[in-house]
Amino acid sequence: MKVSDILRVKGGTLFTVEPDDSLATAVETMAERDIGSLVVMEHGDLVGMLTFREVIQTIVANGNAVGSKLVRSAMDRAPLTCTPETELDEVRRMMLERHARYLPVLNAGRLDGVISFYDVAKAVVDSQNFENKMLKAYIRDWPEDHEEQPT
C-alpha cells in the first residue's frame, strides 16, 4: 500500500497558513476545524509545519500565553515529508523514528495533502480486516477432498 492510496480515501482538503500569520489565529483555526496541524506555505512552497506539539512548546516557553507570536516562531522548519509513491511500511518507520504525527505529501514539489498517524493506522487496520475477511471466506469455501477413500 502507498501514500496515494490513503490520500485517495481521505480526500484532498488542506488547511494552510503563512509564516507571518499570527499564532493565535492559527490556533483558532486548528480548534475550529478540529485538526492537529497546519501546513505552512510561503509563495507556493512548503516552508514548515505547525502542529499542536509546536504550539504547546511555544506557549510554555512564552509564559503560558500565545501573545503576539507569529507562526514562523513556532513552526517546524524542516518537517518530515513523503511522496504519493512512498510505501506505507516506510511511512510507519519514518513517523515512529521522528515521533511525527503528520506528514506533508509532496509530489514534484507540489503539496498533495497531509497524512496523519491516525490515517496510517486506519489504513493498516482496514487492510488487515480485508485480508482476514478474505482468508475466512477462503477457509469457509475450502473444497472437500473428492478422492475415494480405501475401504
Protein backbone atom coordinates (compact mmCIF):
# COMPACT_ATOMS: atom_id res chain seq x y z
CA MET A 1 0.00 0.00 0.00
CA LYS A 2 1.22 3.51 -0.82
CA VAL A 3 0.55 7.01 0.49
CA SER A 4 -1.50 7.72 -2.65
CA ASP A 5 -3.96 5.01 -1.52
CA ILE A 6 -4.50 6.84 1.79
CA LEU A 7 -4.95 10.20 0.06
CA ARG A 8 -7.47 8.72 -2.36
CA VAL A 9 -9.66 7.58 0.57
CA LYS A 10 -9.02 10.61 2.76
CA GLY A 11 -9.70 13.29 0.17
CA GLY A 12 -7.81 16.44 -0.63
CA THR A 13 -8.92 19.03 1.93
CA LEU A 14 -5.89 21.03 3.03
CA PHE A 15 -5.54 23.74 5.62
CA THR A 16 -2.56 26.05 5.29
CA VAL A 17 -1.18 29.10 6.99
CA GLU A 18 1.56 31.59 6.15
CA PRO A 19 4.63 32.06 8.35
CA ASP A 20 3.77 35.69 9.15
CA ASP A 21 0.19 34.90 10.25
CA SER A 22 -0.48 35.24 13.95
CA LEU A 23 -0.07 32.10 16.01
CA ALA A 24 -3.33 32.90 17.83
CA THR A 25 -5.27 32.86 14.54
CA ALA A 26 -3.61 29.58 13.54
CA VAL A 27 -4.55 28.01 16.88
CA GLU A 28 -8.14 29.21 16.48
CA THR A 29 -8.28 27.64 13.01
CA MET A 30 -6.95 24.35 14.35
CA ALA A 31 -9.52 24.35 17.15
CA GLU A 32 -12.46 25.36 14.93
CA ARG A 33 -11.62 22.78 12.27
CA ASP A 34 -10.69 20.10 14.83
CA ILE A 35 -7.35 19.50 13.11
CA GLY A 36 -3.97 18.84 14.64
CA SER A 37 -1.79 20.51 12.05
CA LEU A 38 -1.46 23.27 9.52
CA VAL A 39 0.93 23.27 6.59
CA VAL A 40 2.97 26.47 6.46
CA MET A 41 3.24 27.77 2.89
CA GLU A 42 5.08 30.80 1.52
CA HIS A 43 4.97 31.80 -2.16
CA GLY A 44 3.53 28.37 -3.02
CA ASP A 45 6.31 26.45 -1.26
CA LEU A 46 6.19 24.32 1.87
CA VAL A 47 8.29 26.11 4.50
CA GLY A 48 7.13 24.42 7.68
CA MET A 49 4.57 22.52 9.67
CA LEU A 50 2.60 23.71 12.67
CA THR A 51 1.16 21.08 14.98
CA PHE A 52 -0.24 21.22 18.48
CA ARG A 53 3.17 19.99 19.68
CA GLU A 54 4.90 23.17 18.44
CA VAL A 55 2.03 25.32 19.69
CA ILE A 56 2.24 23.87 23.21
CA GLN A 57 6.03 24.20 23.32
CA THR A 58 5.77 27.86 22.24
CA ILE A 59 3.03 28.65 24.77
CA VAL A 60 5.03 27.14 27.63
CA ALA A 61 8.20 28.99 26.56
CA ASN A 62 6.16 32.24 26.36
CA GLY A 63 4.90 32.14 29.95
CA ASN A 64 1.76 30.12 29.15
CA ALA A 65 0.48 32.59 26.57
CA VAL A 66 0.31 32.77 22.78
CA GLY A 67 0.84 36.51 22.92
CA SER A 68 1.71 38.22 19.66
CA LYS A 69 3.85 35.36 18.35
CA LEU A 70 3.84 34.56 14.66
CA VAL A 71 3.52 31.11 13.10
CA ARG A 72 7.14 31.49 11.99
CA SER A 73 8.30 31.49 15.61
CA ALA A 74 6.62 28.17 16.40
CA MET A 75 6.64 26.11 13.20
CA ASP A 76 8.84 23.13 12.47
CA ARG A 77 11.09 24.48 9.72
CA ALA A 78 12.20 21.06 8.49
CA PRO A 79 9.15 18.81 8.58
CA LEU A 80 9.41 15.20 7.57
CA THR A 81 7.75 14.68 4.17
CA CYS A 82 6.89 11.81 1.86
CA THR A 83 5.64 11.33 -1.71
CA PRO A 84 2.48 9.66 -3.01
CA GLU A 85 4.66 6.70 -4.03
CA THR A 86 6.13 6.13 -0.56
CA GLU A 87 5.23 2.68 0.75
CA LEU A 88 3.17 2.55 3.94
CA ASP A 89 5.79 0.46 5.77
CA GLU A 90 8.36 3.20 5.10
CA VAL A 91 5.95 5.91 6.31
CA ARG A 92 5.35 3.99 9.55
CA ARG A 93 9.09 3.64 10.11
CA MET A 94 9.69 7.35 9.40
CA MET A 95 6.87 8.51 11.68
CA LEU A 96 7.98 6.29 14.54
CA GLU A 97 11.66 7.29 14.25
CA ARG A 98 10.92 11.02 14.27
CA HIS A 99 7.82 10.89 16.51
CA ALA A 100 5.99 12.64 13.68
CA ARG A 101 2.22 12.66 13.78
CA TYR A 102 1.70 14.49 10.47
CA LEU A 103 3.49 14.22 7.13
CA PRO A 104 3.02 16.59 4.22
CA VAL A 105 2.86 14.69 0.93
CA LEU A 106 4.88 16.33 -1.84
CA ASN A 107 4.58 15.39 -5.49
CA ALA A 108 7.29 17.05 -7.62
CA GLY A 109 7.42 19.93 -5.13
CA ARG A 110 3.62 20.38 -5.08
CA LEU A 111 1.67 19.75 -1.87
CA ASP A 112 -0.78 16.88 -2.48
CA GLY A 113 -2.02 16.51 1.08
CA VAL A 114 -1.15 15.64 4.65
CA ILE A 115 -1.37 12.23 6.24
CA SER A 116 -1.59 11.66 9.95
CA PHE A 117 -0.53 8.80 12.18
CA TYR A 118 -4.27 8.10 12.54
CA ASP A 119 -4.64 7.85 8.74
CA VAL A 120 -1.76 5.36 8.58
CA ALA A 121 -3.10 3.28 11.47
CA LYS A 122 -6.60 3.21 9.94
CA ALA A 123 -5.22 2.10 6.57
CA VAL A 124 -3.29 -0.74 8.23
CA VAL A 125 -6.31 -1.89 10.24
CA ASP A 126 -8.61 -1.69 7.20
CA SER A 127 -6.12 -3.69 5.14
CA GLN A 128 -5.80 -6.34 7.84
CA ASN A 129 -9.58 -6.57 8.22
CA PHE A 130 -9.97 -7.07 4.47
CA GLU A 131 -7.25 -9.74 4.43
CA ASN A 132 -8.85 -11.53 7.41
CA LYS A 133 -12.24 -11.45 5.68
CA MET A 134 -10.76 -12.94 2.51
CA LEU A 135 -8.93 -15.67 4.45
CA LYS A 136 -12.08 -16.60 6.35
CA ALA A 137 -14.05 -16.77 3.09
CA TYR A 138 -11.34 -18.96 1.58
CA ILE A 139 -11.33 -21.31 4.54
CA ARG A 140 -15.14 -21.49 4.61
CA ASP A 141 -15.16 -22.42 0.90
CA TRP A 142 -12.33 -24.94 1.21
CA PRO A 143 -13.02 -27.71 -1.30
CA GLU A 144 -13.74 -31.12 0.14
CA ASP A 145 -11.44 -33.99 -0.73
CA HIS A 146 -13.19 -35.89 -3.54
CA GLU A 147 -10.73 -38.74 -3.71
CA GLU A 148 -12.06 -42.18 -2.99
CA GLN A 149 -11.10 -43.39 0.43
CA PRO A 150 -9.92 -47.01 0.63
CA THR A 151 -12.40 -49.25 2.37
